[in-house]
Amino acid sequence: ASMDEKLSASEARMTASMDEKLSASEARLKTCVD
């Protein structure tokens, strides 16, 4: 139960971090293309 809880929290943090970095990357790419 503890590992599942910690894994879920870790996955949530990683997903949030990846989404943030992906959005920033897309914004930079769009600016460059424009």
PDB file of all heavy atoms in Angstrom:
ATOM      1  N   ALA A   1       0.833  -1.203   0.000  1.00  0.00           N
ATOM      2  CA  ALA A   1       0.000   0.000   0.000  1.00  0.00           C
ATOM      3  C   ALA A   1       0.868   1.253   0.000  1.00  0.00           C
ATOM      4  O   ALA A   1       0.605   2.211  -0.752  1.00  0.00           O
ATOM      5  CB  ALA A   1      -0.939  -0.006   1.201  1.00  0.00           C
ATOM      6  N   SER A   2       1.920   1.252   0.798  1.00  0.00           N
ATOM      7  CA  SER A   2       2.818   2.406   0.869  1.00  0.00           C
ATOM      8  C   SER A   2       3.529   2.620  -0.472  1.00  0.00           C
ATOM      9  O   SER A   2       3.630   3.749  -0.956  1.00  0.00           O
ATOM     10  CB  SER A   2       3.841   2.194   1.985  1.00  0.00           C
ATOM     11  OG  SER A   2       4.765   3.256   2.003  1.00  0.00           O
ATOM     12  N   MET A   3       4.007   1.524  -1.083  1.00  0.00           N
ATOM     13  CA  MET A   3       4.704   1.642  -2.375  1.00  0.00           C
ATOM     14  C   MET A   3       3.743   2.120  -3.460  1.00  0.00           C
ATOM     15  O   MET A   3       4.096   2.966  -4.287  1.00  0.00           O
ATOM     16  CB  MET A   3       5.330   0.300  -2.765  1.00  0.00           C
ATOM     17  CG  MET A   3       6.557  -0.028  -1.935  1.00  0.00           C
ATOM     18  SD  MET A   3       7.484  -1.538  -2.347  1.00  0.00           S
ATOM     19  CE  MET A   3       6.547  -2.413  -3.499  1.00  0.00           C
ATOM     20  N   ASP A   4       2.506   1.584  -3.446  1.00  0.00           N
ATOM     21  CA  ASP A   4       1.518   2.021  -4.443  1.00  0.00           C
ATOM     22  C   ASP A   4       1.238   3.510  -4.306  1.00  0.00           C
ATOM     23  O   ASP A   4       1.162   4.240  -5.299  1.00  0.00           O
ATOM     24  CB  ASP A   4       0.215   1.229  -4.297  1.00  0.00           C
ATOM     25  CG  ASP A   4       0.340  -0.214  -4.787  1.00  0.00           C
ATOM     26  OD1 ASP A   4       1.331  -0.521  -5.487  1.00  0.00           O
ATOM     27  OD2 ASP A   4      -0.570  -1.017  -4.480  1.00  0.00           O
ATOM     28  N   GLU A   5       1.078   3.946  -3.059  1.00  0.00           N
ATOM     29  CA  GLU A   5       0.815   5.357  -2.798  1.00  0.00           C
ATOM     30  C   GLU A   5       1.974   6.231  -3.272  1.00  0.00           C
ATOM     31  O   GLU A   5       1.781   7.239  -3.945  1.00  0.00           O
ATOM     32  CB  GLU A   5       0.571   5.550  -1.299  1.00  0.00           C
ATOM     33  CG  GLU A   5       0.253   6.965  -0.900  1.00  0.00           C
ATOM     34  CD  GLU A   5       0.074   7.078   0.610  1.00  0.00           C
ATOM     35  OE1 GLU A   5      -0.577   6.200   1.200  1.00  0.00           O
ATOM     36  OE2 GLU A   5       0.616   8.052   1.170  1.00  0.00           O
ATOM     37  N   LYS A   6       3.190   5.801  -2.943  1.00  0.00           N
ATOM     38  CA  LYS A   6       4.371   6.589  -3.335  1.00  0.00           C
ATOM     39  C   LYS A   6       4.588   6.547  -4.847  1.00  0.00           C
ATOM     40  O   LYS A   6       4.967   7.553  -5.452  1.00  0.00           O
ATOM     41  CB  LYS A   6       5.598   6.094  -2.578  1.00  0.00           C
ATOM     42  CG  LYS A   6       5.531   6.459  -1.108  1.00  0.00           C
ATOM     43  CD  LYS A   6       6.743   6.058  -0.341  1.00  0.00           C
ATOM     44  CE  LYS A   6       6.527   6.473   1.116  1.00  0.00           C
ATOM     45  NZ  LYS A   6       7.669   6.257   1.932  1.00  0.00           N
ATOM     46  N   LEU A   7       4.317   5.402  -5.463  1.00  0.00           N
ATOM     47  CA  LEU A   7       4.447   5.313  -6.928  1.00  0.00           C
ATOM     48  C   LEU A   7       3.424   6.211  -7.615  1.00  0.00           C
ATOM     49  O   LEU A   7       3.747   6.898  -8.593  1.00  0.00           O
ATOM     50  CB  LEU A   7       4.265   3.869  -7.406  1.00  0.00           C
ATOM     51  CG  LEU A   7       5.485   2.964  -7.296  1.00  0.00           C
ATOM     52  CD1 LEU A   7       5.101   1.533  -7.650  1.00  0.00           C
ATOM     53  CD2 LEU A   7       6.588   3.439  -8.224  1.00  0.00           C
ATOM     54  N   SER A   8       2.189   6.211  -7.107  1.00  0.00           N
ATOM     55  CA  SER A   8       1.158   7.071  -7.698  1.00  0.00           C
ATOM     56  C   SER A   8       1.546   8.541  -7.574  1.00  0.00           C
ATOM     57  O   SER A   8       1.394   9.314  -8.521  1.00  0.00           O
ATOM     58  CB  SER A   8      -0.190   6.842  -7.017  1.00  0.00           C
ATOM     59  OG  SER A   8      -0.655   5.545  -7.293  1.00  0.00           O
ATOM     60  N   ALA A   9       2.040   8.916  -6.405  1.00  0.00           N
ATOM     61  CA  ALA A   9       2.466  10.306  -6.206  1.00  0.00           C
ATOM     62  C   ALA A   9       3.630  10.647  -7.133  1.00  0.00           C
ATOM     63  O   ALA A   9       3.670  11.724  -7.740  1.00  0.00           O
ATOM     64  CB  ALA A   9       2.859  10.532  -4.740  1.00  0.00           C
ATOM     65  N   SER A  10       4.569   9.727  -7.260  1.00  0.00           N
ATOM     66  CA  SER A  10       5.721   9.950  -8.142  1.00  0.00           C
ATOM     67  C   SER A  10       5.275  10.072  -9.594  1.00  0.00           C
ATOM     68  O   SER A  10       5.739  10.944 -10.333  1.00  0.00           O
ATOM     69  CB  SER A  10       6.722   8.797  -7.995  1.00  0.00           C
ATOM     70  OG  SER A  10       7.785   8.945  -8.914  1.00  0.00           O
ATOM     71  N   GLU A  11       4.359   9.193 -10.020  1.00  0.00           N
ATOM     72  CA  GLU A  11       3.838   9.265 -11.382  1.00  0.00           C
ATOM     73  C   GLU A  11       3.133  10.594 -11.630  1.00  0.00           C
ATOM     74  O   GLU A  11       3.290  11.205 -12.685  1.00  0.00           O
ATOM     75  CB  GLU A  11       2.875   8.109 -11.645  1.00  0.00           C
ATOM     76  CG  GLU A  11       3.557   6.772 -11.804  1.00  0.00           C
ATOM     77  CD  GLU A  11       2.562   5.616 -11.913  1.00  0.00           C
ATOM     78  OE1 GLU A  11       1.349   5.837 -11.741  1.00  0.00           O
ATOM     79  OE2 GLU A  11       3.021   4.492 -12.174  1.00  0.00           O
ATOM     80  N   ALA A  12       2.367  11.052 -10.654  1.00  0.00           N
ATOM     81  CA  ALA A  12       1.658  12.323 -10.799  1.00  0.00           C
ATOM     82  C   ALA A  12       2.645  13.478 -10.942  1.00  0.00           C
ATOM     83  O   ALA A  12       2.470  14.357 -11.791  1.00  0.00           O
ATOM     84  CB  ALA A  12       0.725  12.554  -9.607  1.00  0.00           C
ATOM     85  N   ARG A  13       3.700  13.465 -10.106  1.00  0.00           N
ATOM     86  CA  ARG A  13       4.713  14.523 -10.195  1.00  0.00           C
ATOM     87  C   ARG A  13       5.441  14.472 -11.543  1.00  0.00           C
ATOM     88  O   ARG A  13       5.683  15.497 -12.176  1.00  0.00           O
ATOM     89  CB  ARG A  13       5.716  14.411  -9.047  1.00  0.00           C
ATOM     90  CG  ARG A  13       5.167  14.819  -7.684  1.00  0.00           C
ATOM     91  CD  ARG A  13       6.265  14.930  -6.635  1.00  0.00           C
ATOM     92  NE  ARG A  13       7.103  13.762  -6.520  1.00  0.00           N
ATOM     93  CZ  ARG A  13       6.864  12.682  -5.753  1.00  0.00           C
ATOM     94  NH1 ARG A  13       5.749  12.651  -5.025  1.00  0.00           N
ATOM     95  NH2 ARG A  13       7.694  11.668  -5.713  1.00  0.00           N
ATOM     96  N   MET A  14       5.785  13.277 -11.995  1.00  0.00           N
ATOM     97  CA  MET A  14       6.486  13.121 -13.281  1.00  0.00           C
ATOM     98  C   MET A  14       5.593  13.569 -14.434  1.00  0.00           C
ATOM     99  O   MET A  14       6.049  14.253 -15.350  1.00  0.00           O
ATOM    100  CB  MET A  14       6.926  11.664 -13.483  1.00  0.00           C
ATOM    101  CG  MET A  14       8.115  11.253 -12.645  1.00  0.00           C
ATOM    102  SD  MET A  14       9.572  12.257 -12.942  1.00  0.00           S
ATOM    103  CE  MET A  14       9.953  11.810 -14.616  1.00  0.00           C
ATOM    104  N   THR A  15       4.315  13.198 -14.393  1.00  0.00           N
ATOM    105  CA  THR A  15       3.386  13.601 -15.449  1.00  0.00           C
ATOM    106  C   THR A  15       3.257  15.118 -15.492  1.00  0.00           C
ATOM    107  O   THR A  15       3.306  15.726 -16.564  1.00  0.00           O
ATOM    108  CB  THR A  15       2.009  12.944 -15.234  1.00  0.00           C
ATOM    109  OG1 THR A  15       2.170  11.523 -15.235  1.00  0.00           O
ATOM    110  CG2 THR A  15       1.022  13.348 -16.306  1.00  0.00           C
ATOM    111  N   ALA A  16       3.117  15.726 -14.322  1.00  0.00           N
ATOM    112  CA  ALA A  16       3.003  17.190 -14.262  1.00  0.00           C
ATOM    113  C   ALA A  16       4.274  17.849 -14.795  1.00  0.00           C
ATOM    114  O   ALA A  16       4.214  18.805 -15.568  1.00  0.00           O
ATOM    115  CB  ALA A  16       2.720  17.640 -12.828  1.00  0.00           C
ATOM    116  N   SER A  17       5.414  17.331 -14.401  1.00  0.00           N
ATOM    117  CA  SER A  17       6.694  17.878 -14.867  1.00  0.00           C
ATOM    118  C   SER A  17       6.854  17.709 -16.372  1.00  0.00           C
ATOM    119  O   SER A  17       7.267  18.633 -17.076  1.00  0.00           O
ATOM    120  CB  SER A  17       7.846  17.183 -14.139  1.00  0.00           C
ATOM    121  OG  SER A  17       9.087  17.629 -14.635  1.00  0.00           O
ATOM    122  N   MET A  18       6.498  16.530 -16.878  1.00  0.00           N
ATOM    123  CA  MET A  18       6.612  16.281 -18.318  1.00  0.00           C
ATOM    124  C   MET A  18       5.646  17.167 -19.102  1.00  0.00           C
ATOM    125  O   MET A  18       6.016  17.722 -20.142  1.00  0.00           O
ATOM    126  CB  MET A  18       6.353  14.805 -18.623  1.00  0.00           C
ATOM    127  CG  MET A  18       7.506  13.910 -18.188  1.00  0.00           C
ATOM    128  SD  MET A  18       7.227  12.113 -18.274  1.00  0.00           S
ATOM    129  CE  MET A  18       6.112  11.867 -19.575  1.00  0.00           C
ATOM    130  N   ASP A  19       4.416  17.331 -18.595  1.00  0.00           N
ATOM    131  CA  ASP A  19       3.446  18.193 -19.272  1.00  0.00           C
ATOM    132  C   ASP A  19       3.953  19.634 -19.333  1.00  0.00           C
ATOM    133  O   ASP A  19       3.834  20.304 -20.360  1.00  0.00           O
ATOM    134  CB  ASP A  19       2.088  18.149 -18.561  1.00  0.00           C
ATOM    135  CG  ASP A  19       1.351  16.834 -18.784  1.00  0.00           C
ATOM    136  OD1 ASP A  19       1.761  16.068 -19.687  1.00  0.00           O
ATOM    137  OD2 ASP A  19       0.376  16.574 -18.047  1.00  0.00           O
ATOM    138  N   GLU A  20       4.505  20.084 -18.225  1.00  0.00           N
ATOM    139  CA  GLU A  20       5.034  21.454 -18.159  1.00  0.00           C
ATOM    140  C   GLU A  20       6.184  21.641 -19.154  1.00  0.00           C
ATOM    141  O   GLU A  20       6.220  22.613 -19.911  1.00  0.00           O
ATOM    142  CB  GLU A  20       5.506  21.734 -16.728  1.00  0.00           C
ATOM    143  CG  GLU A  20       6.067  23.119 -16.515  1.00  0.00           C
ATOM    144  CD  GLU A  20       6.549  23.301 -15.089  1.00  0.00           C
ATOM    145  OE1 GLU A  20       5.831  22.884 -14.161  1.00  0.00           O
ATOM    146  OE2 GLU A  20       7.648  23.846 -14.919  1.00  0.00           O
ATOM    147  N   LYS A  21       7.101  20.686 -19.164  1.00  0.00           N
ATOM    148  CA  LYS A  21       8.249  20.790 -20.071  1.00  0.00           C
ATOM    149  C   LYS A  21       7.820  20.650 -21.526  1.00  0.00           C
ATOM    150  O   LYS A  21       8.342  21.334 -22.411  1.00  0.00           O
ATOM    151  CB  LYS A  21       9.304  19.752 -19.711  1.00  0.00           C
ATOM    152  CG  LYS A  21      10.004  20.094 -18.408  1.00  0.00           C
ATOM    153  CD  LYS A  21      11.059  19.107 -18.027  1.00  0.00           C
ATOM    154  CE  LYS A  21      11.683  19.544 -16.695  1.00  0.00           C
ATOM    155  NZ  LYS A  21      12.716  18.652 -16.265  1.00  0.00           N
ATOM    156  N   LEU A  22       6.840  19.793 -21.788  1.00  0.00           N
ATOM    157  CA  LEU A  22       6.329  19.626 -23.150  1.00  0.00           C
ATOM    158  C   LEU A  22       5.651  20.904 -23.625  1.00  0.00           C
ATOM    159  O   LEU A  22       5.862  21.338 -24.763  1.00  0.00           O
ATOM    160  CB  LEU A  22       5.348  18.444 -23.197  1.00  0.00           C
ATOM    161  CG  LEU A  22       4.781  18.090 -24.564  1.00  0.00           C
ATOM    162  CD1 LEU A  22       5.899  17.682 -25.515  1.00  0.00           C
ATOM    163  CD2 LEU A  22       3.776  16.974 -24.442  1.00  0.00           C
ATOM    164  N   SER A  23       4.868  21.520 -22.768  1.00  0.00           N
ATOM    165  CA  SER A  23       4.202  22.779 -23.133  1.00  0.00           C
ATOM    166  C   SER A  23       5.230  23.869 -23.425  1.00  0.00           C
ATOM    167  O   SER A  23       5.088  24.620 -24.398  1.00  0.00           O
ATOM    168  CB  SER A  23       3.270  23.245 -22.012  1.00  0.00           C
ATOM    169  OG  SER A  23       2.204  22.344 -21.856  1.00  0.00           O
ATOM    170  N   ALA A  24       6.258  23.947 -22.588  1.00  0.00           N
ATOM    171  CA  ALA A  24       7.305  24.944 -22.815  1.00  0.00           C
ATOM    172  C   ALA A  24       8.034  24.670 -24.127  1.00  0.00           C
ATOM    173  O   ALA A  24       8.321  25.593 -24.901  1.00  0.00           O
ATOM    174  CB  ALA A  24       8.294  24.948 -21.643  1.00  0.00           C
ATOM    175  N   SER A  25       8.302  23.406 -24.402  1.00  0.00           N
ATOM    176  CA  SER A  25       8.974  23.039 -25.652  1.00  0.00           C
ATOM    177  C   SER A  25       8.112  23.380 -26.856  1.00  0.00           C
ATOM    178  O   SER A  25       8.604  23.915 -27.861  1.00  0.00           O
ATOM    179  CB  SER A  25       9.300  21.545 -25.645  1.00  0.00           C
ATOM    180  OG  SER A  25       9.873  21.146 -26.867  1.00  0.00           O
ATOM    181  N   GLU A  26       6.821  23.079 -26.780  1.00  0.00           N
ATOM    182  CA  GLU A  26       5.906  23.407 -27.882  1.00  0.00           C
ATOM    183  C   GLU A  26       5.857  24.915 -28.105  1.00  0.00           C
ATOM    184  O   GLU A  26       5.842  25.376 -29.251  1.00  0.00           O
ATOM    185  CB  GLU A  26       4.512  22.874 -27.581  1.00  0.00           C
ATOM    186  CG  GLU A  26       4.387  21.373 -27.707  1.00  0.00           C
ATOM    187  CD  GLU A  26       3.024  20.848 -27.257  1.00  0.00           C
ATOM    188  OE1 GLU A  26       2.274  21.597 -26.593  1.00  0.00           O
ATOM    189  OE2 GLU A  26       2.727  19.682 -27.556  1.00  0.00           O
ATOM    190  N   ALA A  27       5.838  25.692 -27.038  1.00  0.00           N
ATOM    191  CA  ALA A  27       5.804  27.147 -27.167  1.00  0.00           C
ATOM    192  C   ALA A  27       7.075  27.661 -27.846  1.00  0.00           C
ATOM    193  O   ALA A  27       7.011  28.525 -28.726  1.00  0.00           O
ATOM    194  CB  ALA A  27       5.633  27.800 -25.793  1.00  0.00           C
ATOM    195  N   ARG A  28       8.228  27.118 -27.434  1.00  0.00           N
ATOM    196  CA  ARG A  28       9.489  27.535 -28.064  1.00  0.00           C
ATOM    197  C   ARG A  28       9.502  27.155 -29.537  1.00  0.00           C
ATOM    198  O   ARG A  28       9.920  27.939 -30.398  1.00  0.00           O
ATOM    199  CB  ARG A  28      10.689  26.905 -27.345  1.00  0.00           C
ATOM    200  CG  ARG A  28      10.980  27.505 -25.987  1.00  0.00           C
ATOM    201  CD  ARG A  28      12.323  27.026 -25.429  1.00  0.00           C
ATOM    202  NE  ARG A  28      12.513  25.600 -25.439  1.00  0.00           N
ATOM    203  CZ  ARG A  28      12.122  24.755 -24.491  1.00  0.00           C
ATOM    204  NH1 ARG A  28      11.487  25.230 -23.424  1.00  0.00           N
ATOM    205  NH2 ARG A  28      12.365  23.460 -24.574  1.00  0.00           N
ATOM    206  N   LEU A  29       9.038  25.961 -29.845  1.00  0.00           N
ATOM    207  CA  LEU A  29       9.011  25.494 -31.237  1.00  0.00           C
ATOM    208  C   LEU A  29       8.067  26.356 -32.078  1.00  0.00           C
ATOM    209  O   LEU A  29       8.401  26.749 -33.199  1.00  0.00           O
ATOM    210  CB  LEU A  29       8.573  24.032 -31.291  1.00  0.00           C
ATOM    211  CG  LEU A  29       8.526  23.398 -32.672  1.00  0.00           C
ATOM    212  CD1 LEU A  29       9.906  23.404 -33.323  1.00  0.00           C
ATOM    213  CD2 LEU A  29       8.008  21.975 -32.578  1.00  0.00           C
ATOM    214  N   LYS A  30       6.885  26.683 -31.536  1.00  0.00           N
ATOM    215  CA  LYS A  30       5.934  27.517 -32.267  1.00  0.00           C
ATOM    216  C   LYS A  30       6.532  28.891 -32.531  1.00  0.00           C
ATOM    217  O   LYS A  30       6.409  29.421 -33.639  1.00  0.00           O
ATOM    218  CB  LYS A  30       4.631  27.640 -31.480  1.00  0.00           C
ATOM    219  CG  LYS A  30       3.558  28.408 -32.234  1.00  0.00           C
ATOM    220  CD  LYS A  30       2.293  28.536 -31.419  1.00  0.00           C
ATOM    221  CE  LYS A  30       1.184  29.264 -32.115  1.00  0.00           C
ATOM    222  NZ  LYS A  30       1.519  30.378 -32.939  1.00  0.00           N
ATOM    223  N   THR A  31       7.197  29.470 -31.546  1.00  0.00           N
ATOM    224  CA  THR A  31       7.832  30.773 -31.722  1.00  0.00           C
ATOM    225  C   THR A  31       8.890  30.710 -32.815  1.00  0.00           C
ATOM    226  O   THR A  31       8.952  31.575 -33.692  1.00  0.00           O
ATOM    227  CB  THR A  31       8.465  31.239 -30.392  1.00  0.00           C
ATOM    228  OG1 THR A  31       7.433  31.329 -29.400  1.00  0.00           O
ATOM    229  CG2 THR A  31       9.133  32.579 -30.544  1.00  0.00           C
ATOM    230  N   CYS A  32       9.692  29.657 -32.779  1.00  0.00           N
ATOM    231  CA  CYS A  32      10.759  29.488 -33.773  1.00  0.00           C
ATOM    232  C   CYS A  32      10.165  29.327 -35.171  1.00  0.00           C
ATOM    233  O   CYS A  32      10.626  29.963 -36.131  1.00  0.00           O
ATOM    234  CB  CYS A  32      11.618  28.278 -33.403  1.00  0.00           C
ATOM    235  SG  CYS A  32      12.994  28.005 -34.530  1.00  0.00           S
ATOM    236  N   VAL A  33       9.145  28.505 -35.299  1.00  0.00           N
ATOM    237  CA  VAL A  33       8.504  28.285 -36.604  1.00  0.00           C
ATOM    238  C   VAL A  33       7.875  29.584 -37.099  1.00  0.00           C
ATOM    239  O   VAL A  33       8.005  29.936 -38.279  1.00  0.00           O
ATOM    240  CB  VAL A  33       7.464  27.145 -36.517  1.00  0.00           C
ATOM    241  CG1 VAL A  33       6.590  27.105 -37.755  1.00  0.00           C
ATOM    242  CG2 VAL A  33       8.159  25.821 -36.319  1.00  0.00           C
ATOM    243  N   ASP A  34       7.189  30.309 -36.219  1.00  0.00           N
ATOM    244  CA  ASP A  34       6.567  31.577 -36.615  1.00  0.00           C
ATOM    245  C   ASP A  34       7.613  32.562 -37.113  1.00  0.00           C
ATOM    246  O   ASP A  34       7.399  33.271 -38.105  1.00  0.00           O
ATOM    247  CB  ASP A  34       5.779  32.186 -35.450  1.00  0.00           C
ATOM    248  CG  ASP A  34       4.497  31.418 -35.143  1.00  0.00           C
ATOM    249  OD1 ASP A  34       4.091  30.587 -35.971  1.00  0.00           O
ATOM    250  OD2 ASP A  34       3.930  31.647 -34.055  1.00  0.00           O
TER     251      ASP A  34
END
